Amino acid sequence: MSAGSTGQERRDHLDSLAVLLIVLCCFLWGLQQVAVKAILPEAPPLFQGALRSLGAALLLWGWSALRGVELWQRDGTLLPGILAGLLFGGEFACIYLGLPHTSASRFIVFLYTAPFVLVALLSWRLPSERLAPLQLTGMVCAFAALAYAFQEGFGEGKPDQLLGDALAIGGAVLWALTTLVVRATPLSGASPEKTLLYQLAVSAILLAIASLAIGESWPRTVSLLTVASLLFQTVIVAFASYLAWFWLLRHYAATKVSAFSFLTPMFGLLQGTLLLGEAVSTRLVVALVFVAAGIYLVNRPAATRAPRAVSR
């Protein structure tokens, strides 16, 4: 099987099921940021990442066994699977290590350059994933709206903010590279369960080593809030939502799926409003409208030209 071939037709346009799943994933990922920050006094970030990846990997193993999903057959996915896991773990290491060094606003804007990196990589590797000019315009529109929404805190960086910015960009590149490996190697023909298991298992090891290396103090006792947060991150986010995401990447165009990721930080802002009682600003409403418009343009079917008559 050639790289990028799944043995089944990949849909160029997103149907209602795909849109529902993508929006739900983005909503959960926005809520995850609240869950991570809420328990930082008890559970350091890399420790959280390692624990959720390990727990989700065990859940996925059990899920696959119950459904009879083959995980251990030789299908040429071992090396790309390990690579995807290293990239996946590296992305979250960059995110967790970068946030303390810069403002959240700056970090989010730099991190969400990832869809542009992905478009460039997939356009080079998989011509079928190329976006038309109107669709590229939609992606720029969504990103500009995101930058506008977070502009108020963009200048509130810390003295070492360049390190945080660099880690954010590094996380964006690793995010895009992970998707490229999933789409352009034999992993594209593997089951979503197997694709995700590689990433969870490898990232659990990587993040645990990183946590020990930087001297994070692992908690001996935890509160009910910490337990609830870790369960949410493990069961709902790292297991269920990531499994849905990799199913989407297998069945739909990755560039169009990834365009929806701009919704994640917007949902984070909205959830901060709902859960923390923050006021809804005009800036947020305007940004949401333009993010939605950008996503629409990305997923709008490209106009096809009628064939011209050829005279002899």
C-alpha atoms as a PDB file:
ATOM      1  CA  MET A   1       0.000   0.000   0.000  1.00  0.00           C
ATOM      2  CA  SER A   2       1.381   3.384  -0.960  1.00  0.00           C
ATOM      3  CA  ALA A   3       1.754   6.193   1.510  1.00  0.00           C
ATOM      4  CA  GLY A   4      -1.412   8.143   1.893  1.00  0.00           C
ATOM      5  CA  SER A   5      -3.606   5.347   0.571  1.00  0.00           C
ATOM      6  CA  THR A   6      -6.216   3.919   2.877  1.00  0.00           C
ATOM      7  CA  GLY A   7      -7.830   1.405   0.602  1.00  0.00           C
ATOM      8  CA  GLN A   8     -11.042   3.412   0.780  1.00  0.00           C
ATOM      9  CA  GLU A   9     -12.254   6.699  -0.585  1.00  0.00           C
ATOM     10  CA  ARG A  10     -11.405   9.793   1.428  1.00  0.00           C
ATOM     11  CA  ARG A  11     -14.124  12.425   1.314  1.00  0.00           C
ATOM     12  CA  ASP A  12     -13.086  15.851   0.054  1.00  0.00           C
ATOM     13  CA  HIS A  13     -15.964  17.667   1.757  1.00  0.00           C
ATOM     14  CA  LEU A  14     -17.150  17.502   5.357  1.00  0.00           C
ATOM     15  CA  ASP A  15     -20.626  16.126   5.993  1.00  0.00           C
ATOM     16  CA  SER A  16     -22.814  16.908   9.014  1.00  0.00           C
ATOM     17  CA  LEU A  17     -21.362  14.040  11.087  1.00  0.00           C
ATOM     18  CA  ALA A  18     -17.805  15.262  10.488  1.00  0.00           C
ATOM     19  CA  VAL A  19     -18.681  18.853  11.380  1.00  0.00           C
ATOM     20  CA  LEU A  20     -20.444  17.739  14.572  1.00  0.00           C
ATOM     21  CA  LEU A  21     -17.479  15.617  15.670  1.00  0.00           C
ATOM     22  CA  ILE A  22     -14.925  18.326  14.866  1.00  0.00           C
ATOM     23  CA  VAL A  23     -16.824  21.052  16.724  1.00  0.00           C
ATOM     24  CA  LEU A  24     -17.286  18.732  19.715  1.00  0.00           C
ATOM     25  CA  CYS A  25     -13.556  17.936  19.747  1.00  0.00           C
ATOM     26  CA  CYS A  26     -12.655  21.630  19.618  1.00  0.00           C
ATOM     27  CA  PHE A  27     -15.115  22.367  22.429  1.00  0.00           C
ATOM     28  CA  LEU A  28     -13.563  19.661  24.623  1.00  0.00           C
ATOM     29  CA  TRP A  29     -10.017  20.828  23.861  1.00  0.00           C
ATOM     30  CA  GLY A  30     -10.939  24.375  24.832  1.00  0.00           C
ATOM     31  CA  LEU A  31     -12.378  23.084  28.116  1.00  0.00           C
ATOM     32  CA  GLN A  32      -9.236  21.017  28.667  1.00  0.00           C
ATOM     33  CA  GLN A  33      -7.178  24.193  29.111  1.00  0.00           C
ATOM     34  CA  VAL A  34      -9.410  25.157  32.019  1.00  0.00           C
ATOM     35  CA  ALA A  35      -9.071  21.652  33.476  1.00  0.00           C
ATOM     36  CA  VAL A  36      -5.262  21.707  33.227  1.00  0.00           C
ATOM     37  CA  LYS A  37      -4.862  25.149  34.787  1.00  0.00           C
ATOM     38  CA  ALA A  38      -7.341  24.432  37.593  1.00  0.00           C
ATOM     39  CA  ILE A  39      -5.126  21.741  39.162  1.00  0.00           C
ATOM     40  CA  LEU A  40      -1.625  23.115  38.476  1.00  0.00           C
ATOM     41  CA  PRO A  41      -1.036  23.817  42.204  1.00  0.00           C
ATOM     42  CA  GLU A  42      -1.350  20.059  42.866  1.00  0.00           C
ATOM     43  CA  ALA A  43      -0.372  18.401  39.579  1.00  0.00           C
ATOM     44  CA  PRO A  44       2.475  19.864  37.460  1.00  0.00           C
ATOM     45  CA  PRO A  45       1.776  20.073  33.711  1.00  0.00           C
ATOM     46  CA  LEU A  46       4.144  17.441  32.274  1.00  0.00           C
ATOM     47  CA  PHE A  47       3.030  15.009  34.973  1.00  0.00           C
ATOM     48  CA  GLN A  48      -0.567  15.635  33.918  1.00  0.00           C
ATOM     49  CA  GLY A  49       0.315  14.999  30.286  1.00  0.00           C
ATOM     50  CA  ALA A  50       2.167  11.761  31.052  1.00  0.00           C
ATOM     51  CA  LEU A  51      -0.600  10.435  33.298  1.00  0.00           C
ATOM     52  CA  ARG A  52      -3.403  11.200  30.856  1.00  0.00           C
ATOM     53  CA  SER A  53      -1.508   9.599  27.949  1.00  0.00           C
ATOM     54  CA  LEU A  54      -0.797   6.459  29.983  1.00  0.00           C
ATOM     55  CA  GLY A  55      -4.383   6.166  31.224  1.00  0.00           C
ATOM     56  CA  ALA A  56      -5.836   6.786  27.768  1.00  0.00           C
ATOM     57  CA  ALA A  57      -3.458   4.208  26.229  1.00  0.00           C
ATOM     58  CA  LEU A  58      -4.691   1.560  28.678  1.00  0.00           C
ATOM     59  CA  LEU A  59      -8.325   2.487  27.956  1.00  0.00           C
ATOM     60  CA  LEU A  60      -7.668   2.286  24.225  1.00  0.00           C
ATOM     61  CA  TRP A  61      -6.027  -1.123  24.590  1.00  0.00           C
ATOM     62  CA  GLY A  62      -9.083  -2.446  26.427  1.00  0.00           C
ATOM     63  CA  TRP A  63     -11.482  -0.828  23.938  1.00  0.00           C
ATOM     64  CA  SER A  64      -9.641  -2.405  21.024  1.00  0.00           C
ATOM     65  CA  ALA A  65      -9.651  -5.838  22.673  1.00  0.00           C
ATOM     66  CA  LEU A  66     -13.407  -5.661  23.250  1.00  0.00           C
ATOM     67  CA  ARG A  67     -14.062  -4.647  19.642  1.00  0.00           C
ATOM     68  CA  GLY A  68     -11.607  -7.109  18.161  1.00  0.00           C
ATOM     69  CA  VAL A  69      -9.398  -4.403  16.636  1.00  0.00           C
ATOM     70  CA  GLU A  70      -5.996  -5.775  15.592  1.00  0.00           C
ATOM     71  CA  LEU A  71      -3.164  -3.767  17.114  1.00  0.00           C
ATOM     72  CA  TRP A  72      -0.111  -5.964  16.802  1.00  0.00           C
ATOM     73  CA  GLN A  73      -0.108  -7.209  13.203  1.00  0.00           C
ATOM     74  CA  ARG A  74       2.879  -6.350  11.024  1.00  0.00           C
ATOM     75  CA  ASP A  75       1.719  -3.697   8.584  1.00  0.00           C
ATOM     76  CA  GLY A  76       4.696  -1.371   8.191  1.00  0.00           C
ATOM     77  CA  THR A  77       3.421   1.147  10.750  1.00  0.00           C
ATOM     78  CA  LEU A  78       5.930   0.566  13.572  1.00  0.00           C
ATOM     79  CA  LEU A  79       8.526   3.170  12.615  1.00  0.00           C
ATOM     80  CA  PRO A  80       6.061   5.883  11.487  1.00  0.00           C
ATOM     81  CA  GLY A  81       3.980   5.104  14.577  1.00  0.00           C
ATOM     82  CA  ILE A  82       6.934   5.658  16.909  1.00  0.00           C
ATOM     83  CA  LEU A  83       7.806   8.838  14.995  1.00  0.00           C
ATOM     84  CA  ALA A  84       4.232  10.110  15.313  1.00  0.00           C
ATOM     85  CA  GLY A  85       4.345   9.376  19.048  1.00  0.00           C
ATOM     86  CA  LEU A  86       7.598  11.287  19.491  1.00  0.00           C
ATOM     87  CA  LEU A  87       6.217  14.260  17.560  1.00  0.00           C
ATOM     88  CA  PHE A  88       2.942  14.139  19.527  1.00  0.00           C
ATOM     89  CA  GLY A  89       4.766  14.040  22.861  1.00  0.00           C
ATOM     90  CA  GLY A  90       7.177  16.765  21.760  1.00  0.00           C
ATOM     91  CA  GLU A  91       4.274  19.008  20.814  1.00  0.00           C
ATOM     92  CA  PHE A  92       2.745  18.799  24.276  1.00  0.00           C
ATOM     93  CA  ALA A  93       6.135  19.205  25.932  1.00  0.00           C
ATOM     94  CA  CYS A  94       6.570  22.463  23.991  1.00  0.00           C
ATOM     95  CA  ILE A  95       3.104  23.607  25.036  1.00  0.00           C
ATOM     96  CA  TYR A  96       3.519  22.809  28.725  1.00  0.00           C
ATOM     97  CA  LEU A  97       7.073  24.187  28.937  1.00  0.00           C
ATOM     98  CA  GLY A  98       6.379  27.288  26.825  1.00  0.00           C
ATOM     99  CA  LEU A  99       3.313  28.683  28.555  1.00  0.00           C
ATOM    100  CA  PRO A 100       5.147  29.855  31.712  1.00  0.00           C
ATOM    101  CA  HIS A 101       7.539  31.957  29.595  1.00  0.00           C
ATOM    102  CA  THR A 102       5.074  34.127  27.688  1.00  0.00           C
ATOM    103  CA  SER A 103       1.520  35.372  27.799  1.00  0.00           C
ATOM    104  CA  ALA A 104      -1.260  32.940  26.946  1.00  0.00           C
ATOM    105  CA  SER A 105      -2.433  35.290  24.201  1.00  0.00           C
ATOM    106  CA  ARG A 106       0.902  35.312  22.401  1.00  0.00           C
ATOM    107  CA  PHE A 107       1.298  31.570  22.860  1.00  0.00           C
ATOM    108  CA  ILE A 108      -2.095  30.706  21.392  1.00  0.00           C
ATOM    109  CA  VAL A 109      -1.598  32.906  18.332  1.00  0.00           C
ATOM    110  CA  PHE A 110       1.808  31.365  17.573  1.00  0.00           C
ATOM    111  CA  LEU A 111       0.617  27.814  18.265  1.00  0.00           C
ATOM    112  CA  TYR A 112      -2.265  28.169  15.829  1.00  0.00           C
ATOM    113  CA  THR A 113       0.054  28.805  12.927  1.00  0.00           C
ATOM    114  CA  ALA A 114      -0.014  24.976  12.776  1.00  0.00           C
ATOM    115  CA  PRO A 115      -2.763  24.753  10.098  1.00  0.00           C
ATOM    116  CA  PHE A 116      -0.639  26.904   7.777  1.00  0.00           C
ATOM    117  CA  VAL A 117       2.387  24.660   8.325  1.00  0.00           C
ATOM    118  CA  LEU A 118       0.151  21.662   7.651  1.00  0.00           C
ATOM    119  CA  VAL A 119      -1.187  23.141   4.393  1.00  0.00           C
ATOM    120  CA  ALA A 120       2.379  23.750   3.193  1.00  0.00           C
ATOM    121  CA  LEU A 121       3.533  20.247   4.122  1.00  0.00           C
ATOM    122  CA  LEU A 122       0.530  18.398   2.703  1.00  0.00           C
ATOM    123  CA  SER A 123       0.481  20.482  -0.472  1.00  0.00           C
ATOM    124  CA  TRP A 124       4.076  19.372  -1.039  1.00  0.00           C
ATOM    125  CA  ARG A 125       3.552  15.729  -0.075  1.00  0.00           C
ATOM    126  CA  LEU A 126      -0.075  15.109  -1.095  1.00  0.00           C
ATOM    127  CA  PRO A 127      -1.300  17.277  -3.987  1.00  0.00           C
ATOM    128  CA  SER A 128      -4.881  16.125  -3.337  1.00  0.00           C
ATOM    129  CA  GLU A 129      -4.820  18.149  -0.089  1.00  0.00           C
ATOM    130  CA  ARG A 130      -4.014  21.475  -1.766  1.00  0.00           C
ATOM    131  CA  LEU A 131      -6.365  24.352  -1.032  1.00  0.00           C
ATOM    132  CA  ALA A 132      -7.735  26.703  -3.667  1.00  0.00           C
ATOM    133  CA  PRO A 133      -7.024  30.467  -3.324  1.00  0.00           C
ATOM    134  CA  LEU A 134     -10.487  31.113  -1.854  1.00  0.00           C
ATOM    135  CA  GLN A 135      -9.942  28.381   0.744  1.00  0.00           C
ATOM    136  CA  LEU A 136      -6.532  29.797   1.663  1.00  0.00           C
ATOM    137  CA  THR A 137      -8.236  33.170   2.069  1.00  0.00           C
ATOM    138  CA  GLY A 138     -10.666  31.541   4.491  1.00  0.00           C
ATOM    139  CA  MET A 139      -7.825  30.140   6.573  1.00  0.00           C
ATOM    140  CA  VAL A 140      -6.122  33.542   6.717  1.00  0.00           C
ATOM    141  CA  CYS A 141      -9.460  35.075   7.750  1.00  0.00           C
ATOM    142  CA  ALA A 142      -9.880  32.579  10.604  1.00  0.00           C
ATOM    143  CA  PHE A 143      -6.314  33.118  11.835  1.00  0.00           C
ATOM    144  CA  ALA A 144      -6.658  36.914  11.671  1.00  0.00           C
ATOM    145  CA  ALA A 145      -9.845  36.666  13.726  1.00  0.00           C
ATOM    146  CA  LEU A 146      -8.009  34.553  16.299  1.00  0.00           C
ATOM    147  CA  ALA A 147      -5.180  37.092  16.542  1.00  0.00           C
ATOM    148  CA  TYR A 148      -7.764  39.889  16.884  1.00  0.00           C
ATOM    149  CA  ALA A 149      -9.552  38.069  19.711  1.00  0.00           C
ATOM    150  CA  PHE A 150      -6.334  37.734  21.716  1.00  0.00           C
ATOM    151  CA  GLN A 151      -4.853  41.115  20.810  1.00  0.00           C
ATOM    152  CA  GLU A 152      -5.716  42.720  24.147  1.00  0.00           C
ATOM    153  CA  GLY A 153      -3.181  40.573  25.993  1.00  0.00           C
ATOM    154  CA  PHE A 154      -0.665  40.210  23.187  1.00  0.00           C
ATOM    155  CA  GLY A 155       1.748  42.765  24.589  1.00  0.00           C
ATOM    156  CA  GLU A 156       1.766  41.315  28.102  1.00  0.00           C
ATOM    157  CA  GLY A 157       4.701  38.998  27.541  1.00  0.00           C
ATOM    158  CA  LYS A 158       7.321  38.154  30.167  1.00  0.00           C
ATOM    159  CA  PRO A 159      11.016  39.076  29.894  1.00  0.00           C
ATOM    160  CA  ASP A 160      11.868  35.666  28.434  1.00  0.00           C
ATOM    161  CA  GLN A 161       8.880  35.649  26.103  1.00  0.00           C
ATOM    162  CA  LEU A 162      11.031  34.871  23.057  1.00  0.00           C
ATOM    163  CA  LEU A 163      11.672  31.417  24.505  1.00  0.00           C
ATOM    164  CA  GLY A 164       7.931  30.928  25.007  1.00  0.00           C
ATOM    165  CA  ASP A 165       7.212  32.149  21.472  1.00  0.00           C
ATOM    166  CA  ALA A 166       9.836  29.773  20.054  1.00  0.00           C
ATOM    167  CA  LEU A 167       8.335  26.844  21.952  1.00  0.00           C
ATOM    168  CA  ALA A 168       4.860  27.780  20.680  1.00  0.00           C
ATOM    169  CA  ILE A 169       6.096  27.781  17.094  1.00  0.00           C
ATOM    170  CA  GLY A 170       7.931  24.516  17.778  1.00  0.00           C
ATOM    171  CA  GLY A 171       4.676  23.023  19.065  1.00  0.00           C
ATOM    172  CA  ALA A 172       2.884  24.219  15.914  1.00  0.00           C
ATOM    173  CA  VAL A 173       5.467  22.602  13.643  1.00  0.00           C
ATOM    174  CA  LEU A 174       5.376  19.326  15.603  1.00  0.00           C
ATOM    175  CA  TRP A 175       1.562  19.328  15.486  1.00  0.00           C
ATOM    176  CA  ALA A 176       1.619  19.724  11.712  1.00  0.00           C
ATOM    177  CA  LEU A 177       4.355  17.095  11.312  1.00  0.00           C
ATOM    178  CA  THR A 178       2.329  14.618  13.372  1.00  0.00           C
ATOM    179  CA  THR A 179      -0.634  15.039  11.035  1.00  0.00           C
ATOM    180  CA  LEU A 180       1.650  14.701   8.014  1.00  0.00           C
ATOM    181  CA  VAL A 181       3.079  11.426   9.327  1.00  0.00           C
ATOM    182  CA  VAL A 182      -0.439  10.107   9.979  1.00  0.00           C
ATOM    183  CA  ARG A 183      -1.627  11.073   6.496  1.00  0.00           C
ATOM    184  CA  ALA A 184       1.397  10.370   4.309  1.00  0.00           C
ATOM    185  CA  THR A 185       2.740   7.062   5.657  1.00  0.00           C
ATOM    186  CA  PRO A 186       1.289   3.547   6.108  1.00  0.00           C
ATOM    187  CA  LEU A 187      -0.404   4.922   9.245  1.00  0.00           C
ATOM    188  CA  SER A 188      -3.092   6.348   6.945  1.00  0.00           C
ATOM    189  CA  GLY A 189      -4.250   2.784   6.318  1.00  0.00           C
ATOM    190  CA  ALA A 190      -4.121   1.709   9.976  1.00  0.00           C
ATOM    191  CA  SER A 191      -7.140   1.781  12.245  1.00  0.00           C
ATOM    192  CA  PRO A 192      -7.679   4.990  14.254  1.00  0.00           C
ATOM    193  CA  GLU A 193      -7.176   2.903  17.421  1.00  0.00           C
ATOM    194  CA  LYS A 194      -3.724   1.746  16.365  1.00  0.00           C
ATOM    195  CA  THR A 195      -2.710   5.206  15.141  1.00  0.00           C
ATOM    196  CA  LEU A 196      -3.718   6.767  18.448  1.00  0.00           C
ATOM    197  CA  LEU A 197      -2.156   4.018  20.568  1.00  0.00           C
ATOM    198  CA  TYR A 198       1.268   4.692  19.069  1.00  0.00           C
ATOM    199  CA  GLN A 199       1.006   8.351  20.027  1.00  0.00           C
ATOM    200  CA  LEU A 200      -0.378   7.839  23.507  1.00  0.00           C
ATOM    201  CA  ALA A 201       2.104   5.127  24.493  1.00  0.00           C
ATOM    202  CA  VAL A 202       5.195   6.896  23.172  1.00  0.00           C
ATOM    203  CA  SER A 203       4.136  10.317  24.493  1.00  0.00           C
ATOM    204  CA  ALA A 204       3.433   8.873  27.967  1.00  0.00           C
ATOM    205  CA  ILE A 205       7.034   7.672  28.169  1.00  0.00           C
ATOM    206  CA  LEU A 206       8.452  10.877  26.691  1.00  0.00           C
ATOM    207  CA  LEU A 207       6.459  13.213  28.944  1.00  0.00           C
ATOM    208  CA  ALA A 208       7.232  11.177  32.059  1.00  0.00           C
ATOM    209  CA  ILE A 209      10.971  11.357  31.303  1.00  0.00           C
ATOM    210  CA  ALA A 210      10.692  15.107  30.623  1.00  0.00           C
ATOM    211  CA  SER A 211       8.793  15.624  33.888  1.00  0.00           C
ATOM    212  CA  LEU A 212      11.523  13.861  35.872  1.00  0.00           C
ATOM    213  CA  ALA A 213      14.274  15.651  33.933  1.00  0.00           C
ATOM    214  CA  ILE A 214      13.039  19.136  34.854  1.00  0.00           C
ATOM    215  CA  GLY A 215      12.391  18.124  38.459  1.00  0.00           C
ATOM    216  CA  GLU A 216       8.605  18.279  38.650  1.00  0.00           C
ATOM    217  CA  SER A 217       7.292  17.212  42.037  1.00  0.00           C
ATOM    218  CA  TRP A 218       4.742  14.433  41.596  1.00  0.00           C
ATOM    219  CA  PRO A 219       1.832  14.690  44.059  1.00  0.00           C
ATOM    220  CA  ARG A 220       1.375  12.091  46.784  1.00  0.00           C
ATOM    221  CA  THR A 221      -2.159  13.115  47.664  1.00  0.00           C
ATOM    222  CA  VAL A 222      -4.704  14.844  45.451  1.00  0.00           C
ATOM    223  CA  SER A 223      -8.047  16.554  45.903  1.00  0.00           C
ATOM    224  CA  LEU A 224     -11.354  15.524  44.367  1.00  0.00           C
ATOM    225  CA  LEU A 225     -10.999  18.377  41.850  1.00  0.00           C
ATOM    226  CA  THR A 226      -7.646  17.017  40.660  1.00  0.00           C
ATOM    227  CA  VAL A 227      -9.071  13.518  40.295  1.00  0.00           C
ATOM    228  CA  ALA A 228     -12.033  14.860  38.286  1.00  0.00           C
ATOM    229  CA  SER A 229      -9.754  16.938  36.055  1.00  0.00           C
ATOM    230  CA  LEU A 230      -7.408  14.031  35.348  1.00  0.00           C
ATOM    231  CA  LEU A 231     -10.340  11.733  34.579  1.00  0.00           C
ATOM    232  CA  PHE A 232     -11.769  14.292  32.170  1.00  0.00           C
ATOM    233  CA  GLN A 233      -8.400  14.779  30.452  1.00  0.00           C
ATOM    234  CA  THR A 234      -7.815  11.023  30.226  1.00  0.00           C
ATOM    235  CA  VAL A 235     -11.205   9.536  29.366  1.00  0.00           C
ATOM    236  CA  ILE A 236     -12.941  12.318  27.472  1.00  0.00           C
ATOM    237  CA  VAL A 237     -10.062  14.191  25.837  1.00  0.00           C
ATOM    238  CA  ALA A 238      -7.087  11.884  25.318  1.00  0.00           C
ATOM    239  CA  PHE A 239      -9.163   8.744  24.703  1.00  0.00           C
ATOM    240  CA  ALA A 240     -12.540   9.647  23.181  1.00  0.00           C
ATOM    241  CA  SER A 241     -11.871  12.972  21.419  1.00  0.00           C
ATOM    242  CA  TYR A 242      -8.457  11.975  20.030  1.00  0.00           C
ATOM    243  CA  LEU A 243      -9.887   8.691  18.754  1.00  0.00           C
ATOM    244  CA  ALA A 244     -12.610  10.655  16.965  1.00  0.00           C
ATOM    245  CA  TRP A 245     -10.020  13.091  15.582  1.00  0.00           C
ATOM    246  CA  PHE A 246      -7.857  10.376  14.045  1.00  0.00           C
ATOM    247  CA  TRP A 247     -10.938   8.722  12.593  1.00  0.00           C
ATOM    248  CA  LEU A 248     -11.705  12.069  10.940  1.00  0.00           C
ATOM    249  CA  LEU A 249      -8.166  12.381   9.576  1.00  0.00           C
ATOM    250  CA  ARG A 250      -8.513   8.937   8.047  1.00  0.00           C
ATOM    251  CA  HIS A 251     -11.836   9.633   6.314  1.00  0.00           C
ATOM    252  CA  TYR A 252     -11.696  13.356   5.410  1.00  0.00           C
ATOM    253  CA  ALA A 253      -9.225  15.867   3.961  1.00  0.00           C
ATOM    254  CA  ALA A 254      -6.795  16.788   6.743  1.00  0.00           C
ATOM    255  CA  THR A 255      -6.448  20.429   5.675  1.00  0.00           C
ATOM    256  CA  LYS A 256     -10.187  21.017   5.937  1.00  0.00           C
ATOM    257  CA  VAL A 257     -10.491  19.178   9.240  1.00  0.00           C
ATOM    258  CA  SER A 258      -7.589  21.180  10.699  1.00  0.00           C
ATOM    259  CA  ALA A 259      -9.163  24.505   9.703  1.00  0.00           C
ATOM    260  CA  PHE A 260     -11.732  23.934  12.455  1.00  0.00           C
ATOM    261  CA  SER A 261      -8.958  23.882  15.066  1.00  0.00           C
ATOM    262  CA  PHE A 262      -9.189  27.699  15.154  1.00  0.00           C
ATOM    263  CA  LEU A 263     -12.391  27.138  17.137  1.00  0.00           C
ATOM    264  CA  THR A 264     -10.498  25.599  20.063  1.00  0.00           C
ATOM    265  CA  PRO A 265      -9.075  28.811  21.592  1.00  0.00           C
ATOM    266  CA  MET A 266     -12.331  30.608  20.816  1.00  0.00           C
ATOM    267  CA  PHE A 267     -14.206  27.968  22.799  1.00  0.00           C
ATOM    268  CA  GLY A 268     -11.631  28.455  25.545  1.00  0.00           C
ATOM    269  CA  LEU A 269     -12.519  32.141  25.709  1.00  0.00           C
ATOM    270  CA  LEU A 270     -16.241  31.366  25.764  1.00  0.00           C
ATOM    271  CA  GLN A 271     -15.810  28.784  28.498  1.00  0.00           C
ATOM    272  CA  GLY A 272     -13.829  31.306  30.518  1.00  0.00           C
ATOM    273  CA  THR A 273     -16.850  33.565  30.207  1.00  0.00           C
ATOM    274  CA  LEU A 274     -19.297  30.861  31.259  1.00  0.00           C
ATOM    275  CA  LEU A 275     -17.230  29.182  33.978  1.00  0.00           C
ATOM    276  CA  LEU A 276     -15.291  32.140  35.355  1.00  0.00           C
ATOM    277  CA  GLY A 277     -17.935  34.848  34.936  1.00  0.00           C
ATOM    278  CA  GLU A 278     -15.869  36.964  32.543  1.00  0.00           C
ATOM    279  CA  ALA A 279     -17.739  39.500  30.413  1.00  0.00           C
ATOM    280  CA  VAL A 280     -18.449  38.786  26.737  1.00  0.00           C
ATOM    281  CA  SER A 281     -16.586  41.450  24.773  1.00  0.00           C
ATOM    282  CA  THR A 282     -17.510  42.829  21.375  1.00  0.00           C
ATOM    283  CA  ARG A 283     -14.039  41.707  20.239  1.00  0.00           C
ATOM    284  CA  LEU A 284     -14.917  38.069  21.035  1.00  0.00           C
ATOM    285  CA  VAL A 285     -18.237  38.203  19.168  1.00  0.00           C
ATOM    286  CA  VAL A 286     -16.621  39.771  16.086  1.00  0.00           C
ATOM    287  CA  ALA A 287     -13.781  37.241  16.154  1.00  0.00           C
ATOM    288  CA  LEU A 288     -16.193  34.306  16.354  1.00  0.00           C
ATOM    289  CA  VAL A 289     -18.107  35.588  13.328  1.00  0.00           C
ATOM    290  CA  PHE A 290     -14.921  35.842  11.260  1.00  0.00           C
ATOM    291  CA  VAL A 291     -13.611  32.462  12.420  1.00  0.00           C
ATOM    292  CA  ALA A 292     -16.892  30.929  11.285  1.00  0.00           C
ATOM    293  CA  ALA A 293     -16.661  32.773   7.955  1.00  0.00           C
ATOM    294  CA  GLY A 294     -13.107  31.556   7.447  1.00  0.00           C
ATOM    295  CA  ILE A 295     -14.024  27.953   8.169  1.00  0.00           C
ATOM    296  CA  TYR A 296     -16.925  28.221   5.728  1.00  0.00           C
ATOM    297  CA  LEU A 297     -14.609  29.459   2.978  1.00  0.00           C
ATOM    298  CA  VAL A 298     -12.104  26.667   3.634  1.00  0.00           C
ATOM    299  CA  ASN A 299     -14.811  24.042   3.317  1.00  0.00           C
ATOM    300  CA  ARG A 300     -16.713  25.627   0.457  1.00  0.00           C
ATOM    301  CA  PRO A 301     -16.508  23.397  -2.626  1.00  0.00           C
ATOM    302  CA  ALA A 302     -14.176  24.858  -5.220  1.00  0.00           C
ATOM    303  CA  ALA A 303     -15.938  26.052  -8.353  1.00  0.00           C
ATOM    304  CA  THR A 304     -15.331  23.814 -11.324  1.00  0.00           C
ATOM    305  CA  ARG A 305     -14.938  25.318 -14.729  1.00  0.00           C
ATOM    306  CA  ALA A 306     -17.005  24.000 -17.601  1.00  0.00           C
ATOM    307  CA  PRO A 307     -14.824  22.338 -20.223  1.00  0.00           C
ATOM    308  CA  ARG A 308     -14.095  24.619 -23.144  1.00  0.00           C
ATOM    309  CA  ALA A 309     -14.891  23.451 -26.652  1.00  0.00           C
ATOM    310  CA  VAL A 310     -11.801  22.584 -28.607  1.00  0.00           C
ATOM    311  CA  SER A 311     -11.864  23.533 -32.280  1.00  0.00           C
ATOM    312  CA  ARG A 312      -9.959  21.484 -34.780  1.00  0.00           C
END
